[in-house]
């Protein structure tokens, strides 16, 4: 890997740790990352999941975006409609709902 200066503002500490020497070559670094299983830890991390979702959304076409938007709206409507706390019809007595 190429060494260089980096500002502290751009650095972020995470819980994934790899034990390696000071300036490893690429082969050594990749081997150490495979031993610690960094890829699966990163995919289970909240930051990693967020980046995966961003990449997935960026790859959607117009039809897929429309389908996910309609699905989200209809899903919210169903949750509100069948939730007895939020459904206004469920508050009317004699409506057949408890």
PDB file of N, CA and C in Angstrom:
ATOM      1  N   UNK A   1       0.831  -1.176   0.000  1.00  0.00           N
ATOM      2  CA  UNK A   1       0.000   0.000   0.000  1.00  0.00           C
ATOM      3  C   UNK A   1       0.880   1.246   0.000  1.00  0.00           C
ATOM      4  N   UNK A   2       0.379   2.288  -0.599  1.00  0.00           N
ATOM      5  CA  UNK A   2       1.132   3.526  -0.700  1.00  0.00           C
ATOM      6  C   UNK A   2       0.877   4.356   0.546  1.00  0.00           C
ATOM      7  N   UNK A   3       1.975   4.844   1.132  1.00  0.00           N
ATOM      8  CA  UNK A   3       1.848   5.679   2.323  1.00  0.00           C
ATOM      9  C   UNK A   3       1.662   7.125   1.914  1.00  0.00           C
ATOM     10  N   UNK A   4       0.971   7.863   2.719  1.00  0.00           N
ATOM     11  CA  UNK A   4       0.773   9.279   2.457  1.00  0.00           C
ATOM     12  C   UNK A   4       0.135   9.949   3.655  1.00  0.00           C
ATOM     13  N   UNK A   5       0.154  11.274   3.650  1.00  0.00           N
ATOM     14  CA  UNK A   5      -0.445  12.022   4.739  1.00  0.00           C
ATOM     15  C   UNK A   5      -1.953  12.056   4.576  1.00  0.00           C
ATOM     16  N   UNK A   6      -2.642  12.097   5.728  1.00  0.00           N
ATOM     17  CA  UNK A   6      -4.094  12.191   5.714  1.00  0.00           C
ATOM     18  C   UNK A   6      -4.517  13.016   6.925  1.00  0.00           C
ATOM     19  N   UNK A   7      -5.512  13.857   6.739  1.00  0.00           N
ATOM     20  CA  UNK A   7      -6.011  14.679   7.831  1.00  0.00           C
ATOM     21  C   UNK A   7      -6.757  13.821   8.841  1.00  0.00           C
ATOM     22  N   UNK A   8      -6.731  14.255  10.099  1.00  0.00           N
ATOM     23  CA  UNK A   8      -7.453  13.531  11.133  1.00  0.00           C
ATOM     24  C   UNK A   8      -8.964  13.608  10.931  1.00  0.00           C
ATOM     25  N   UNK A   9      -9.447  14.654  10.282  1.00  0.00           N
ATOM     26  CA  UNK A   9     -10.882  14.780  10.035  1.00  0.00           C
ATOM     27  C   UNK A   9     -11.394  13.654   9.140  1.00  0.00           C
ATOM     28  N   UNK A  10     -10.539  13.155   8.257  1.00  0.00           N
ATOM     29  CA  UNK A  10     -10.956  12.105   7.318  1.00  0.00           C
ATOM     30  C   UNK A  10     -10.851  10.707   7.922  1.00  0.00           C
ATOM     31  N   UNK A  11     -10.224  10.567   9.077  1.00  0.00           N
ATOM     32  CA  UNK A  11     -10.037   9.254   9.692  1.00  0.00           C
ATOM     33  C   UNK A  11     -11.207   8.919  10.608  1.00  0.00           C
ATOM     34  N   UNK A  12     -11.586   7.659  10.607  1.00  0.00           N
ATOM     35  CA  UNK A  12     -12.637   7.169  11.487  1.00  0.00           C
ATOM     36  C   UNK A  12     -12.194   5.827  12.052  1.00  0.00           C
ATOM     37  N   UNK A  13     -12.308   5.659  13.348  1.00  0.00           N
ATOM     38  CA  UNK A  13     -11.950   4.401  13.989  1.00  0.00           C
ATOM     39  C   UNK A  13     -13.161   3.487  14.035  1.00  0.00           C
ATOM     40  N   UNK A  14     -12.934   2.231  13.706  1.00  0.00           N
ATOM     41  CA  UNK A  14     -13.988   1.229  13.789  1.00  0.00           C
ATOM     42  C   UNK A  14     -13.466   0.058  14.613  1.00  0.00           C
ATOM     43  N   UNK A  15     -14.319  -0.868  14.933  1.00  0.00           N
ATOM     44  CA  UNK A  15     -13.961  -1.957  15.842  1.00  0.00           C
ATOM     45  C   UNK A  15     -13.221  -3.102  15.154  1.00  0.00           C
ATOM     46  N   UNK A  16     -13.071  -3.072  13.847  1.00  0.00           N
ATOM     47  CA  UNK A  16     -12.388  -4.145  13.129  1.00  0.00           C
ATOM     48  C   UNK A  16     -10.890  -3.906  13.216  1.00  0.00           C
ATOM     49  N   UNK A  17     -10.158  -4.901  13.699  1.00  0.00           N
ATOM     50  CA  UNK A  17      -8.727  -4.741  13.921  1.00  0.00           C
ATOM     51  C   UNK A  17      -7.966  -5.857  13.220  1.00  0.00           C
ATOM     52  N   UNK A  18      -6.858  -5.499  12.565  1.00  0.00           N
ATOM     53  CA  UNK A  18      -5.992  -6.458  11.879  1.00  0.00           C
ATOM     54  C   UNK A  18      -4.591  -6.301  12.443  1.00  0.00           C
ATOM     55  N   UNK A  19      -3.972  -7.388  12.857  1.00  0.00           N
ATOM     56  CA  UNK A  19      -2.605  -7.345  13.352  1.00  0.00           C
ATOM     57  C   UNK A  19      -1.647  -7.575  12.192  1.00  0.00           C
ATOM     58  N   UNK A  20      -0.962  -6.506  11.778  1.00  0.00           N
ATOM     59  CA  UNK A  20       0.000  -6.580  10.677  1.00  0.00           C
ATOM     60  C   UNK A  20       1.216  -5.744  11.029  1.00  0.00           C
ATOM     61  N   UNK A  21       2.275  -5.907  10.250  1.00  0.00           N
ATOM     62  CA  UNK A  21       3.467  -5.089  10.447  1.00  0.00           C
ATOM     63  C   UNK A  21       3.218  -3.692   9.908  1.00  0.00           C
ATOM     64  N   UNK A  22       4.230  -2.844  10.009  1.00  0.00           N
ATOM     65  CA  UNK A  22       4.042  -1.418   9.740  1.00  0.00           C
ATOM     66  C   UNK A  22       3.685  -1.112   8.291  1.00  0.00           C
ATOM     67  N   UNK A  23       4.434  -1.583   7.329  1.00  0.00           N
ATOM     68  CA  UNK A  23       4.153  -1.297   5.919  1.00  0.00           C
ATOM     69  C   UNK A  23       4.076  -2.625   5.178  1.00  0.00           C
ATOM     70  N   UNK A  24       2.912  -3.275   5.212  1.00  0.00           N
ATOM     71  CA  UNK A  24       2.804  -4.577   4.541  1.00  0.00           C
ATOM     72  C   UNK A  24       2.643  -4.399   3.030  1.00  0.00           C
ATOM     73  N   UNK A  25       3.037  -5.421   2.298  1.00  0.00           N
ATOM     74  CA  UNK A  25       2.730  -5.391   0.878  1.00  0.00           C
ATOM     75  C   UNK A  25       1.277  -5.831   0.689  1.00  0.00           C
ATOM     76  N   UNK A  26       0.786  -5.705  -0.519  1.00  0.00           N
ATOM     77  CA  UNK A  26      -0.627  -5.954  -0.780  1.00  0.00           C
ATOM     78  C   UNK A  26      -1.014  -7.396  -0.480  1.00  0.00           C
ATOM     79  N   UNK A  27      -0.151  -8.339  -0.823  1.00  0.00           N
ATOM     80  CA  UNK A  27      -0.437  -9.760  -0.614  1.00  0.00           C
ATOM     81  C   UNK A  27      -0.581 -10.073   0.872  1.00  0.00           C
ATOM     82  N   UNK A  28       0.331  -9.535   1.683  1.00  0.00           N
ATOM     83  CA  UNK A  28       0.269  -9.761   3.132  1.00  0.00           C
ATOM     84  C   UNK A  28      -0.984  -9.133   3.732  1.00  0.00           C
ATOM     85  N   UNK A  29      -1.321  -7.949   3.282  1.00  0.00           N
ATOM     86  CA  UNK A  29      -2.499  -7.267   3.808  1.00  0.00           C
ATOM     87  C   UNK A  29      -3.781  -8.028   3.476  1.00  0.00           C
ATOM     88  N   UNK A  30      -3.901  -8.489   2.250  1.00  0.00           N
ATOM     89  CA  UNK A  30      -5.096  -9.243   1.848  1.00  0.00           C
ATOM     90  C   UNK A  30      -5.199 -10.549   2.625  1.00  0.00           C
ATOM     91  N   UNK A  31      -4.063 -11.224   2.835  1.00  0.00           N
ATOM     92  CA  UNK A  31      -4.068 -12.472   3.606  1.00  0.00           C
ATOM     93  C   UNK A  31      -4.501 -12.216   5.050  1.00  0.00           C
ATOM     94  N   UNK A  32      -4.001 -11.140   5.652  1.00  0.00           N
ATOM     95  CA  UNK A  32      -4.376 -10.818   7.031  1.00  0.00           C
ATOM     96  C   UNK A  32      -5.850 -10.455   7.134  1.00  0.00           C
ATOM     97  N   UNK A  33      -6.359  -9.780   6.119  1.00  0.00           N
ATOM     98  CA  UNK A  33      -7.780  -9.420   6.123  1.00  0.00           C
ATOM     99  C   UNK A  33      -8.662 -10.652   5.989  1.00  0.00           C
ATOM    100  N   UNK A  34      -8.229 -11.636   5.216  1.00  0.00           N
ATOM    101  CA  UNK A  34      -9.003 -12.869   5.080  1.00  0.00           C
ATOM    102  C   UNK A  34      -8.994 -13.686   6.366  1.00  0.00           C
ATOM    103  N   UNK A  35      -7.872 -13.664   7.080  1.00  0.00           N
ATOM    104  CA  UNK A  35      -7.790 -14.413   8.344  1.00  0.00           C
ATOM    105  C   UNK A  35      -8.773 -13.838   9.370  1.00  0.00           C
ATOM    106  N   UNK A  36      -8.848 -12.518   9.446  1.00  0.00           N
ATOM    107  CA  UNK A  36      -9.724 -11.871  10.427  1.00  0.00           C
ATOM    108  C   UNK A  36     -11.177 -11.825   9.936  1.00  0.00           C
ATOM    109  N   UNK A  37     -11.413 -12.115   8.661  1.00  0.00           N
ATOM    110  CA  UNK A  37     -12.739 -12.107   8.052  1.00  0.00           C
ATOM    111  C   UNK A  37     -13.352 -10.708   8.104  1.00  0.00           C
ATOM    112  N   UNK A  38     -12.607  -9.753   7.568  1.00  0.00           N
ATOM    113  CA  UNK A  38     -13.005  -8.350   7.588  1.00  0.00           C
ATOM    114  C   UNK A  38     -14.259  -8.113   6.746  1.00  0.00           C
ATOM    115  N   UNK A  39     -14.381  -8.792   5.628  1.00  0.00           N
ATOM    116  CA  UNK A  39     -15.512  -8.539   4.723  1.00  0.00           C
ATOM    117  C   UNK A  39     -16.853  -8.824   5.395  1.00  0.00           C
ATOM    118  N   UNK A  40     -16.964  -9.958   6.079  1.00  0.00           N
ATOM    119  CA  UNK A  40     -18.244 -10.280   6.726  1.00  0.00           C
ATOM    120  C   UNK A  40     -18.508  -9.358   7.917  1.00  0.00           C
ATOM    121  N   UNK A  41     -17.445  -8.980   8.641  1.00  0.00           N
ATOM    122  CA  UNK A  41     -17.628  -8.046   9.753  1.00  0.00           C
ATOM    123  C   UNK A  41     -18.091  -6.694   9.238  1.00  0.00           C
ATOM    124  N   UNK A  42     -17.526  -6.264   8.103  1.00  0.00           N
ATOM    125  CA  UNK A  42     -17.919  -4.977   7.535  1.00  0.00           C
ATOM    126  C   UNK A  42     -19.355  -5.021   7.032  1.00  0.00           C
ATOM    127  N   UNK A  43     -19.775  -6.123   6.422  1.00  0.00           N
ATOM    128  CA  UNK A  43     -21.145  -6.235   5.931  1.00  0.00           C
ATOM    129  C   UNK A  43     -22.158  -6.283   7.070  1.00  0.00           C
ATOM    130  N   UNK A  44     -21.749  -6.743   8.250  1.00  0.00           N
ATOM    131  CA  UNK A  44     -22.650  -6.783   9.399  1.00  0.00           C
ATOM    132  C   UNK A  44     -22.614  -5.499  10.208  1.00  0.00           C
ATOM    133  N   UNK A  45     -21.668  -4.618   9.903  1.00  0.00           N
ATOM    134  CA  UNK A  45     -21.545  -3.346  10.576  1.00  0.00           C
ATOM    135  C   UNK A  45     -22.609  -2.392  10.034  1.00  0.00           C
ATOM    136  N   UNK A  46     -23.112  -1.477  10.851  1.00  0.00           N
ATOM    137  CA  UNK A  46     -24.155  -0.563  10.398  1.00  0.00           C
ATOM    138  C   UNK A  46     -23.647   0.355   9.288  1.00  0.00           C
ATOM    139  N   UNK A  47     -22.402   0.781   9.359  1.00  0.00           N
ATOM    140  CA  UNK A  47     -21.844   1.648   8.325  1.00  0.00           C
ATOM    141  C   UNK A  47     -21.715   0.880   7.004  1.00  0.00           C
ATOM    142  N   UNK A  48     -21.284  -0.363   7.090  1.00  0.00           N
ATOM    143  CA  UNK A  48     -21.168  -1.190   5.894  1.00  0.00           C
ATOM    144  C   UNK A  48     -22.516  -1.467   5.252  1.00  0.00           C
ATOM    145  N   UNK A  49     -23.524  -1.761   6.070  1.00  0.00           N
ATOM    146  CA  UNK A  49     -24.875  -1.991   5.538  1.00  0.00           C
ATOM    147  C   UNK A  49     -25.406  -0.741   4.855  1.00  0.00           C
ATOM    148  N   UNK A  50     -25.114   0.420   5.439  1.00  0.00           N
ATOM    149  CA  UNK A  50     -25.556   1.682   4.856  1.00  0.00           C
ATOM    150  C   UNK A  50     -24.933   1.882   3.471  1.00  0.00           C
ATOM    151  N   UNK A  51     -23.652   1.592   3.324  1.00  0.00           N
ATOM    152  CA  UNK A  51     -22.996   1.747   2.035  1.00  0.00           C
ATOM    153  C   UNK A  51     -23.518   0.748   1.008  1.00  0.00           C
ATOM    154  N   UNK A  52     -23.824  -0.462   1.456  1.00  0.00           N
ATOM    155  CA  UNK A  52     -24.382  -1.476   0.551  1.00  0.00           C
ATOM    156  C   UNK A  52     -25.743  -1.015   0.030  1.00  0.00           C
ATOM    157  N   UNK A  53     -26.576  -0.462   0.909  1.00  0.00           N
ATOM    158  CA  UNK A  53     -27.896   0.027   0.498  1.00  0.00           C
ATOM    159  C   UNK A  53     -27.750   1.199  -0.469  1.00  0.00           C
ATOM    160  N   UNK A  54     -26.778   2.086  -0.224  1.00  0.00           N
ATOM    161  CA  UNK A  54     -26.564   3.211  -1.125  1.00  0.00           C
ATOM    162  C   UNK A  54     -26.168   2.733  -2.518  1.00  0.00           C
ATOM    163  N   UNK A  55     -25.279   1.747  -2.587  1.00  0.00           N
ATOM    164  CA  UNK A  55     -24.865   1.214  -3.883  1.00  0.00           C
ATOM    165  C   UNK A  55     -26.036   0.536  -4.590  1.00  0.00           C
ATOM    166  N   UNK A  56     -26.849  -0.181  -3.821  1.00  0.00           N
ATOM    167  CA  UNK A  56     -27.996  -0.864  -4.405  1.00  0.00           C
ATOM    168  C   UNK A  56     -29.002   0.138  -4.960  1.00  0.00           C
ATOM    169  N   UNK A  57     -29.265   1.208  -4.217  1.00  0.00           N
ATOM    170  CA  UNK A  57     -30.206   2.227  -4.685  1.00  0.00           C
ATOM    171  C   UNK A  57     -29.656   2.972  -5.896  1.00  0.00           C
ATOM    172  N   UNK A  58     -28.354   3.190  -5.938  1.00  0.00           N
ATOM    173  CA  UNK A  58     -27.757   3.894  -7.078  1.00  0.00           C
ATOM    174  C   UNK A  58     -27.856   3.069  -8.359  1.00  0.00           C
ATOM    175  N   UNK A  59     -27.915   1.742  -8.220  1.00  0.00           N
ATOM    176  CA  UNK A  59     -27.968   0.889  -9.405  1.00  0.00           C
ATOM    177  C   UNK A  59     -29.397   0.652  -9.914  1.00  0.00           C
ATOM    178  N   UNK A  60     -30.412   1.170  -9.220  1.00  0.00           N
ATOM    179  CA  UNK A  60     -31.793   0.973  -9.650  1.00  0.00           C
ATOM    180  C   UNK A  60     -32.110   1.830 -10.874  1.00  0.00           C
ATOM    181  N   UNK A  61     -32.961   1.313 -11.733  1.00  0.00           N
ATOM    182  CA  UNK A  61     -33.436   2.121 -12.856  1.00  0.00           C
ATOM    183  C   UNK A  61     -34.752   2.790 -12.452  1.00  0.00           C
ATOM    184  N   UNK A  62     -35.356   3.539 -13.365  1.00  0.00           N
ATOM    185  CA  UNK A  62     -36.570   4.283 -13.035  1.00  0.00           C
ATOM    186  C   UNK A  62     -37.720   3.366 -12.621  1.00  0.00           C
ATOM    187  N   UNK A  63     -37.870   2.249 -13.314  1.00  0.00           N
ATOM    188  CA  UNK A  63     -38.956   1.326 -13.001  1.00  0.00           C
ATOM    189  C   UNK A  63     -38.787   0.745 -11.597  1.00  0.00           C
ATOM    190  N   UNK A  64     -37.556   0.364 -11.245  1.00  0.00           N
ATOM    191  CA  UNK A  64     -37.312  -0.190  -9.908  1.00  0.00           C
ATOM    192  C   UNK A  64     -37.557   0.848  -8.826  1.00  0.00           C
ATOM    193  N   UNK A  65     -37.126   2.093  -9.069  1.00  0.00           N
ATOM    194  CA  UNK A  65     -37.361   3.149  -8.081  1.00  0.00           C
ATOM    195  C   UNK A  65     -38.857   3.395  -7.898  1.00  0.00           C
ATOM    196  N   UNK A  66     -39.612   3.393  -8.992  1.00  0.00           N
ATOM    197  CA  UNK A  66     -41.062   3.584  -8.889  1.00  0.00           C
ATOM    198  C   UNK A  66     -41.698   2.448  -8.101  1.00  0.00           C
ATOM    199  N   UNK A  67     -41.285   1.215  -8.379  1.00  0.00           N
ATOM    200  CA  UNK A  67     -41.848   0.071  -7.673  1.00  0.00           C
ATOM    201  C   UNK A  67     -41.551   0.106  -6.187  1.00  0.00           C
ATOM    202  N   UNK A  68     -40.338   0.507  -5.817  1.00  0.00           N
ATOM    203  CA  UNK A  68     -40.007   0.563  -4.393  1.00  0.00           C
ATOM    204  C   UNK A  68     -40.754   1.701  -3.716  1.00  0.00           C
ATOM    205  N   UNK A  69     -40.967   2.823  -4.431  1.00  0.00           N
ATOM    206  CA  UNK A  69     -41.718   3.937  -3.847  1.00  0.00           C
ATOM    207  C   UNK A  69     -43.174   3.555  -3.640  1.00  0.00           C
ATOM    208  N   UNK A  70     -43.777   2.909  -4.612  1.00  0.00           N
ATOM    209  CA  UNK A  70     -45.176   2.488  -4.492  1.00  0.00           C
ATOM    210  C   UNK A  70     -45.305   1.423  -3.410  1.00  0.00           C
ATOM    211  N   UNK A  71     -44.358   0.507  -3.352  1.00  0.00           N
ATOM    212  CA  UNK A  71     -44.396  -0.522  -2.316  1.00  0.00           C
ATOM    213  C   UNK A  71     -44.268   0.063  -0.931  1.00  0.00           C
ATOM    214  N   UNK A  72     -43.434   1.094  -0.784  1.00  0.00           N
ATOM    215  CA  UNK A  72     -43.294   1.733   0.523  1.00  0.00           C
ATOM    216  C   UNK A  72     -44.544   2.450   0.940  1.00  0.00           C
ATOM    217  N   UNK A  73     -45.198   3.120   0.010  1.00  0.00           N
ATOM    218  CA  UNK A  73     -46.430   3.845   0.328  1.00  0.00           C
ATOM    219  C   UNK A  73     -47.530   2.866   0.684  1.00  0.00           C
ATOM    220  N   UNK A  74     -47.696   1.825  -0.117  1.00  0.00           N
ATOM    221  CA  UNK A  74     -48.760   0.869   0.175  1.00  0.00           C
ATOM    222  C   UNK A  74     -48.464   0.110   1.466  1.00  0.00           C
ATOM    223  N   UNK A  75     -47.193  -0.147   1.748  1.00  0.00           N
ATOM    224  CA  UNK A  75     -46.844  -0.823   2.991  1.00  0.00           C
ATOM    225  C   UNK A  75     -47.181   0.026   4.203  1.00  0.00           C
ATOM    226  N   UNK A  76     -46.916   1.331   4.110  1.00  0.00           N
ATOM    227  CA  UNK A  76     -47.259   2.226   5.213  1.00  0.00           C
ATOM    228  C   UNK A  76     -48.772   2.293   5.386  1.00  0.00           C
ATOM    229  N   UNK A  77     -49.499   2.352   4.279  1.00  0.00           N
ATOM    230  CA  UNK A  77     -50.946   2.422   4.350  1.00  0.00           C
ATOM    231  C   UNK A  77     -51.511   1.190   5.029  1.00  0.00           C
ATOM    232  N   UNK A  78     -50.996   0.013   4.687  1.00  0.00           N
ATOM    233  CA  UNK A  78     -51.486  -1.229   5.277  1.00  0.00           C
ATOM    234  C   UNK A  78     -51.180  -1.261   6.771  1.00  0.00           C
ATOM    235  N   UNK A  79     -49.983  -0.835   7.151  1.00  0.00           N
ATOM    236  CA  UNK A  79     -49.635  -0.844   8.571  1.00  0.00           C
ATOM    237  C   UNK A  79     -50.529   0.100   9.362  1.00  0.00           C
ATOM    238  N   UNK A  80     -50.815   1.284   8.814  1.00  0.00           N
ATOM    239  CA  UNK A  80     -51.664   2.233   9.525  1.00  0.00           C
ATOM    240  C   UNK A  80     -53.101   1.747   9.556  1.00  0.00           C
ATOM    241  N   UNK A  81     -53.591   1.191   8.455  1.00  0.00           N
ATOM    242  CA  UNK A  81     -54.988   0.790   8.365  1.00  0.00           C
ATOM    243  C   UNK A  81     -55.312  -0.352   9.311  1.00  0.00           C
ATOM    244  N   UNK A  82     -54.423  -1.328   9.442  1.00  0.00           N
ATOM    245  CA  UNK A  82     -54.713  -2.482  10.270  1.00  0.00           C
ATOM    246  C   UNK A  82     -54.201  -2.348  11.697  1.00  0.00           C
ATOM    247  N   UNK A  83     -53.603  -1.219  12.021  1.00  0.00           N
ATOM    248  CA  UNK A  83     -53.187  -0.984  13.393  1.00  0.00           C
ATOM    249  C   UNK A  83     -54.368  -0.362  14.130  1.00  0.00           C
ATOM    250  N   UNK A  84     -54.922  -1.033  15.128  1.00  0.00           N
ATOM    251  CA  UNK A  84     -56.128  -0.514  15.782  1.00  0.00           C
ATOM    252  C   UNK A  84     -55.902   0.811  16.495  1.00  0.00           C
ATOM    253  N   UNK A  85     -54.666   1.146  16.818  1.00  0.00           N
ATOM    254  CA  UNK A  85     -54.420   2.419  17.497  1.00  0.00           C
ATOM    255  C   UNK A  85     -54.527   3.595  16.539  1.00  0.00           C
ATOM    256  N   UNK A  86     -54.221   3.388  15.248  1.00  0.00           N
ATOM    257  CA  UNK A  86     -54.198   4.484  14.296  1.00  0.00           C
ATOM    258  C   UNK A  86     -55.382   4.495  13.334  1.00  0.00           C
ATOM    259  N   UNK A  87     -56.113   3.404  13.257  1.00  0.00           N
ATOM    260  CA  UNK A  87     -57.207   3.321  12.305  1.00  0.00           C
ATOM    261  C   UNK A  87     -58.426   4.036  12.890  1.00  0.00           C
ATOM    262  N   UNK A  88     -58.912   5.091  12.232  1.00  0.00           N
ATOM    263  CA  UNK A  88     -60.065   5.812  12.802  1.00  0.00           C
ATOM    264  C   UNK A  88     -61.340   4.982  12.818  1.00  0.00           C
ATOM    265  N   UNK A  89     -61.500   4.022  11.894  1.00  0.00           N
ATOM    266  CA  UNK A  89     -62.706   3.201  11.882  1.00  0.00           C
ATOM    267  C   UNK A  89     -62.749   2.246  13.065  1.00  0.00           C
ATOM    268  N   UNK A  90     -61.585   1.888  13.601  1.00  0.00           N
ATOM    269  CA  UNK A  90     -61.586   0.931  14.711  1.00  0.00           C
ATOM    270  C   UNK A  90     -62.082   1.567  16.002  1.00  0.00           C
ATOM    271  N   UNK A  91     -62.124   2.890  16.047  1.00  0.00           N
ATOM    272  CA  UNK A  91     -62.574   3.568  17.257  1.00  0.00           C
ATOM    273  C   UNK A  91     -64.094   3.696  17.325  1.00  0.00           C
ATOM    274  N   UNK A  92     -64.779   3.451  16.186  1.00  0.00           N
ATOM    275  CA  UNK A  92     -66.242   3.565  16.159  1.00  0.00           C
ATOM    276  C   UNK A  92     -66.826   2.308  16.776  1.00  0.00           C
ATOM    277  N   UNK A  93     -67.721   2.425  17.785  1.00  0.00           N
ATOM    278  CA  UNK A  93     -68.294   1.235  18.393  1.00  0.00           C
ATOM    279  C   UNK A  93     -69.251   0.529  17.425  1.00  0.00           C
ATOM    280  N   UNK A  94     -69.308  -0.803  17.513  1.00  0.00           N
ATOM    281  CA  UNK A  94     -70.176  -1.596  16.672  1.00  0.00           C
ATOM    282  C   UNK A  94     -69.625  -1.776  15.264  1.00  0.00           C
ATOM    283  N   UNK A  95     -68.356  -1.579  15.088  1.00  0.00           N
ATOM    284  CA  UNK A  95     -67.744  -1.683  13.766  1.00  0.00           C
ATOM    285  C   UNK A  95     -67.284  -3.101  13.494  1.00  0.00           C
ATOM    286  N   UNK A  96     -67.467  -3.993  14.428  1.00  0.00           N
ATOM    287  CA  UNK A  96     -67.054  -5.375  14.223  1.00  0.00           C
ATOM    288  C   UNK A  96     -65.600  -5.630  14.614  1.00  0.00           C
ATOM    289  N   UNK A  97     -64.955  -4.619  15.118  1.00  0.00           N
ATOM    290  CA  UNK A  97     -63.564  -4.786  15.564  1.00  0.00           C
ATOM    291  C   UNK A  97     -63.530  -4.600  17.060  1.00  0.00           C
ATOM    292  N   UNK A  98     -62.647  -5.305  17.727  1.00  0.00           N
ATOM    293  CA  UNK A  98     -62.594  -5.166  19.201  1.00  0.00           C
ATOM    294  C   UNK A  98     -62.079  -3.828  19.633  1.00  0.00           C
TER     295      UNK A  98
END
